[in-house]
């Protein structure tokens, strides 16, 4: 099995990161973070948010609101 790191900018990796963020933050409206809403040019920005969320055991309400707002700003 070939494992490709998230350093590779692809739609599949972008979708994986968005799904992971959705799960970690327990977001109800998953459709708001569909991969189609994000340009691949925003990959590094999404990865930065993914890395932040992944590094946290618990995300505060204010952090969650800021992350969701930033993801909205990154959409096409």
N, C-alpha and C. Protein backbone atom coordinates (compact mmCIF):
# COMPACT_ATOMS: atom_id res chain seq x y z
N UNK A 1 0.84 -1.19 0.00
CA UNK A 1 0.00 0.00 0.00
C UNK A 1 0.88 1.24 0.00
N UNK A 2 0.64 2.13 -0.91
CA UNK A 2 1.40 3.36 -1.05
C UNK A 2 0.74 4.45 -0.21
N UNK A 3 1.52 5.06 0.66
CA UNK A 3 1.01 6.14 1.50
C UNK A 3 1.62 7.44 1.01
N UNK A 4 0.78 8.37 0.65
CA UNK A 4 1.24 9.67 0.18
C UNK A 4 0.95 10.68 1.27
N UNK A 5 1.95 11.45 1.63
CA UNK A 5 1.78 12.44 2.69
C UNK A 5 0.92 13.61 2.26
N UNK A 6 0.51 14.37 3.23
CA UNK A 6 -0.33 15.53 2.96
C UNK A 6 0.46 16.68 2.35
N UNK A 7 1.77 16.50 2.20
CA UNK A 7 2.57 17.54 1.54
C UNK A 7 2.23 17.61 0.04
N UNK A 8 1.68 16.52 -0.49
CA UNK A 8 1.28 16.47 -1.89
C UNK A 8 -0.07 17.18 -2.03
N UNK A 9 -0.08 18.24 -2.82
CA UNK A 9 -1.31 19.02 -3.01
C UNK A 9 -2.22 18.30 -4.00
N UNK A 10 -3.30 17.74 -3.47
CA UNK A 10 -4.26 17.05 -4.33
C UNK A 10 -5.66 17.27 -3.77
N UNK A 11 -6.64 17.07 -4.63
CA UNK A 11 -8.02 17.20 -4.19
C UNK A 11 -8.37 16.14 -3.15
N UNK A 12 -7.79 14.95 -3.31
CA UNK A 12 -8.04 13.87 -2.35
C UNK A 12 -7.53 14.24 -0.96
N UNK A 13 -6.32 14.80 -0.90
CA UNK A 13 -5.76 15.21 0.38
C UNK A 13 -6.54 16.38 0.98
N UNK A 14 -6.97 17.29 0.13
CA UNK A 14 -7.78 18.41 0.58
C UNK A 14 -9.09 17.89 1.19
N UNK A 15 -9.72 16.95 0.51
CA UNK A 15 -10.97 16.36 1.01
C UNK A 15 -10.73 15.64 2.34
N UNK A 16 -9.62 14.92 2.43
CA UNK A 16 -9.28 14.22 3.68
C UNK A 16 -9.15 15.21 4.83
N UNK A 17 -8.42 16.29 4.61
CA UNK A 17 -8.22 17.28 5.67
C UNK A 17 -9.53 17.92 6.09
N UNK A 18 -10.37 18.25 5.12
CA UNK A 18 -11.66 18.87 5.43
C UNK A 18 -12.56 17.92 6.22
N UNK A 19 -12.56 16.63 5.83
CA UNK A 19 -13.34 15.63 6.58
C UNK A 19 -12.82 15.51 8.01
N UNK A 20 -11.51 15.49 8.14
CA UNK A 20 -10.90 15.37 9.47
C UNK A 20 -11.24 16.57 10.36
N UNK A 21 -11.18 17.76 9.78
CA UNK A 21 -11.53 18.97 10.53
C UNK A 21 -13.00 18.90 10.96
N UNK A 22 -13.86 18.49 10.04
CA UNK A 22 -15.29 18.37 10.33
C UNK A 22 -15.53 17.40 11.49
N UNK A 23 -14.84 16.26 11.46
CA UNK A 23 -15.00 15.27 12.52
C UNK A 23 -14.44 15.77 13.85
N UNK A 24 -13.24 16.33 13.81
CA UNK A 24 -12.59 16.80 15.04
C UNK A 24 -13.42 17.90 15.72
N UNK A 25 -13.97 18.80 14.92
CA UNK A 25 -14.76 19.90 15.48
C UNK A 25 -16.22 19.50 15.71
N UNK A 26 -16.57 18.29 15.28
CA UNK A 26 -17.94 17.78 15.40
C UNK A 26 -18.94 18.74 14.78
N UNK A 27 -18.62 19.17 13.56
CA UNK A 27 -19.50 20.10 12.85
C UNK A 27 -20.71 19.35 12.32
N UNK A 28 -21.86 19.95 12.47
CA UNK A 28 -23.11 19.33 12.03
C UNK A 28 -23.31 19.53 10.53
N UNK A 29 -23.02 20.71 10.03
CA UNK A 29 -23.24 21.04 8.63
C UNK A 29 -22.01 20.70 7.80
N UNK A 30 -21.85 19.41 7.49
CA UNK A 30 -20.70 18.95 6.73
C UNK A 30 -20.67 19.52 5.31
N UNK A 31 -21.82 19.84 4.77
CA UNK A 31 -21.87 20.34 3.39
C UNK A 31 -21.15 21.68 3.25
N UNK A 32 -20.99 22.40 4.34
CA UNK A 32 -20.30 23.69 4.29
C UNK A 32 -18.82 23.54 3.98
N UNK A 33 -18.29 22.34 4.21
CA UNK A 33 -16.86 22.12 3.97
C UNK A 33 -16.62 21.10 2.86
N UNK A 34 -17.43 21.14 1.84
CA UNK A 34 -17.23 20.25 0.70
C UNK A 34 -16.00 20.70 -0.08
N UNK A 35 -15.24 19.73 -0.54
CA UNK A 35 -13.98 20.02 -1.23
C UNK A 35 -14.21 20.90 -2.46
N UNK A 36 -15.36 20.79 -3.09
CA UNK A 36 -15.65 21.58 -4.29
C UNK A 36 -15.67 23.07 -4.01
N UNK A 37 -15.84 23.44 -2.77
CA UNK A 37 -15.91 24.85 -2.39
C UNK A 37 -14.53 25.49 -2.20
N UNK A 38 -13.47 24.67 -2.31
CA UNK A 38 -12.12 25.16 -2.04
C UNK A 38 -11.23 25.01 -3.27
N UNK A 39 -10.51 26.06 -3.59
CA UNK A 39 -9.55 26.01 -4.69
C UNK A 39 -8.28 25.35 -4.18
N UNK A 40 -7.63 24.59 -5.04
CA UNK A 40 -6.39 23.91 -4.66
C UNK A 40 -5.31 24.91 -4.25
N UNK A 41 -5.44 26.15 -4.72
CA UNK A 41 -4.48 27.20 -4.34
C UNK A 41 -4.55 27.52 -2.84
N UNK A 42 -5.63 27.15 -2.20
CA UNK A 42 -5.80 27.39 -0.76
C UNK A 42 -5.34 26.18 0.07
N UNK A 43 -4.73 25.21 -0.58
CA UNK A 43 -4.32 23.96 0.07
C UNK A 43 -3.46 24.21 1.31
N UNK A 44 -2.44 25.04 1.17
CA UNK A 44 -1.52 25.29 2.30
C UNK A 44 -2.25 25.92 3.48
N UNK A 45 -3.20 26.79 3.20
CA UNK A 45 -3.98 27.43 4.27
C UNK A 45 -4.85 26.40 4.99
N UNK A 46 -5.48 25.52 4.23
CA UNK A 46 -6.30 24.46 4.83
C UNK A 46 -5.41 23.51 5.63
N UNK A 47 -4.23 23.20 5.09
CA UNK A 47 -3.29 22.30 5.79
C UNK A 47 -2.86 22.91 7.12
N UNK A 48 -2.64 24.19 7.14
CA UNK A 48 -2.26 24.87 8.38
C UNK A 48 -3.36 24.72 9.43
N UNK A 49 -4.61 24.90 9.01
CA UNK A 49 -5.74 24.73 9.93
C UNK A 49 -5.87 23.26 10.37
N UNK A 50 -5.68 22.36 9.42
CA UNK A 50 -5.73 20.92 9.72
C UNK A 50 -4.66 20.56 10.76
N UNK A 51 -3.44 21.04 10.55
CA UNK A 51 -2.36 20.75 11.50
C UNK A 51 -2.68 21.28 12.89
N UNK A 52 -3.25 22.48 12.93
CA UNK A 52 -3.63 23.07 14.22
C UNK A 52 -4.68 22.22 14.92
N UNK A 53 -5.75 21.90 14.21
CA UNK A 53 -6.85 21.13 14.79
C UNK A 53 -6.35 19.74 15.21
N UNK A 54 -5.52 19.12 14.39
CA UNK A 54 -5.01 17.78 14.69
C UNK A 54 -4.11 17.76 15.91
N UNK A 55 -3.48 18.87 16.19
CA UNK A 55 -2.55 18.93 17.33
C UNK A 55 -3.27 19.14 18.66
N UNK A 56 -4.55 19.45 18.60
CA UNK A 56 -5.30 19.77 19.82
C UNK A 56 -6.12 18.57 20.28
N UNK A 57 -6.12 18.33 21.59
CA UNK A 57 -7.02 17.33 22.15
C UNK A 57 -8.42 17.90 22.28
N UNK A 58 -8.47 19.18 22.59
CA UNK A 58 -9.74 19.86 22.79
C UNK A 58 -9.66 21.24 22.17
N UNK A 59 -10.66 21.60 21.40
CA UNK A 59 -10.71 22.91 20.75
C UNK A 59 -11.77 23.73 21.48
N UNK A 60 -11.39 24.93 21.91
CA UNK A 60 -12.34 25.79 22.62
C UNK A 60 -13.39 26.32 21.65
N UNK A 61 -14.46 26.82 22.20
CA UNK A 61 -15.54 27.37 21.38
C UNK A 61 -15.02 28.54 20.55
N UNK A 62 -14.24 29.41 21.15
CA UNK A 62 -13.72 30.57 20.40
C UNK A 62 -12.76 30.13 19.30
N UNK A 63 -11.95 29.10 19.56
CA UNK A 63 -11.06 28.57 18.52
C UNK A 63 -11.88 27.95 17.39
N UNK A 64 -12.92 27.21 17.75
CA UNK A 64 -13.77 26.59 16.75
C UNK A 64 -14.43 27.64 15.86
N UNK A 65 -14.94 28.68 16.47
CA UNK A 65 -15.57 29.76 15.69
C UNK A 65 -14.56 30.41 14.75
N UNK A 66 -13.35 30.63 15.23
CA UNK A 66 -12.31 31.25 14.40
C UNK A 66 -11.92 30.32 13.25
N UNK A 67 -11.81 29.04 13.51
CA UNK A 67 -11.45 28.07 12.47
C UNK A 67 -12.53 28.01 11.41
N UNK A 68 -13.78 27.92 11.83
CA UNK A 68 -14.90 27.86 10.88
C UNK A 68 -14.95 29.14 10.05
N UNK A 69 -14.74 30.28 10.67
CA UNK A 69 -14.74 31.55 9.93
C UNK A 69 -13.60 31.58 8.92
N UNK A 70 -12.43 31.12 9.32
CA UNK A 70 -11.29 31.10 8.40
C UNK A 70 -11.56 30.17 7.23
N UNK A 71 -12.17 29.03 7.48
CA UNK A 71 -12.52 28.11 6.39
C UNK A 71 -13.54 28.75 5.45
N UNK A 72 -14.47 29.49 5.98
CA UNK A 72 -15.43 30.22 5.12
C UNK A 72 -14.68 31.22 4.23
N UNK A 73 -13.72 31.91 4.82
CA UNK A 73 -12.95 32.90 4.07
C UNK A 73 -12.12 32.26 2.96
N UNK A 74 -11.74 31.01 3.13
CA UNK A 74 -10.90 30.32 2.15
C UNK A 74 -11.70 29.74 0.99
N UNK A 75 -13.02 29.70 1.12
CA UNK A 75 -13.83 29.12 0.05
C UNK A 75 -13.81 29.99 -1.19
N UNK A 76 -14.08 29.33 -2.33
CA UNK A 76 -14.10 30.02 -3.62
C UNK A 76 -15.14 31.12 -3.62
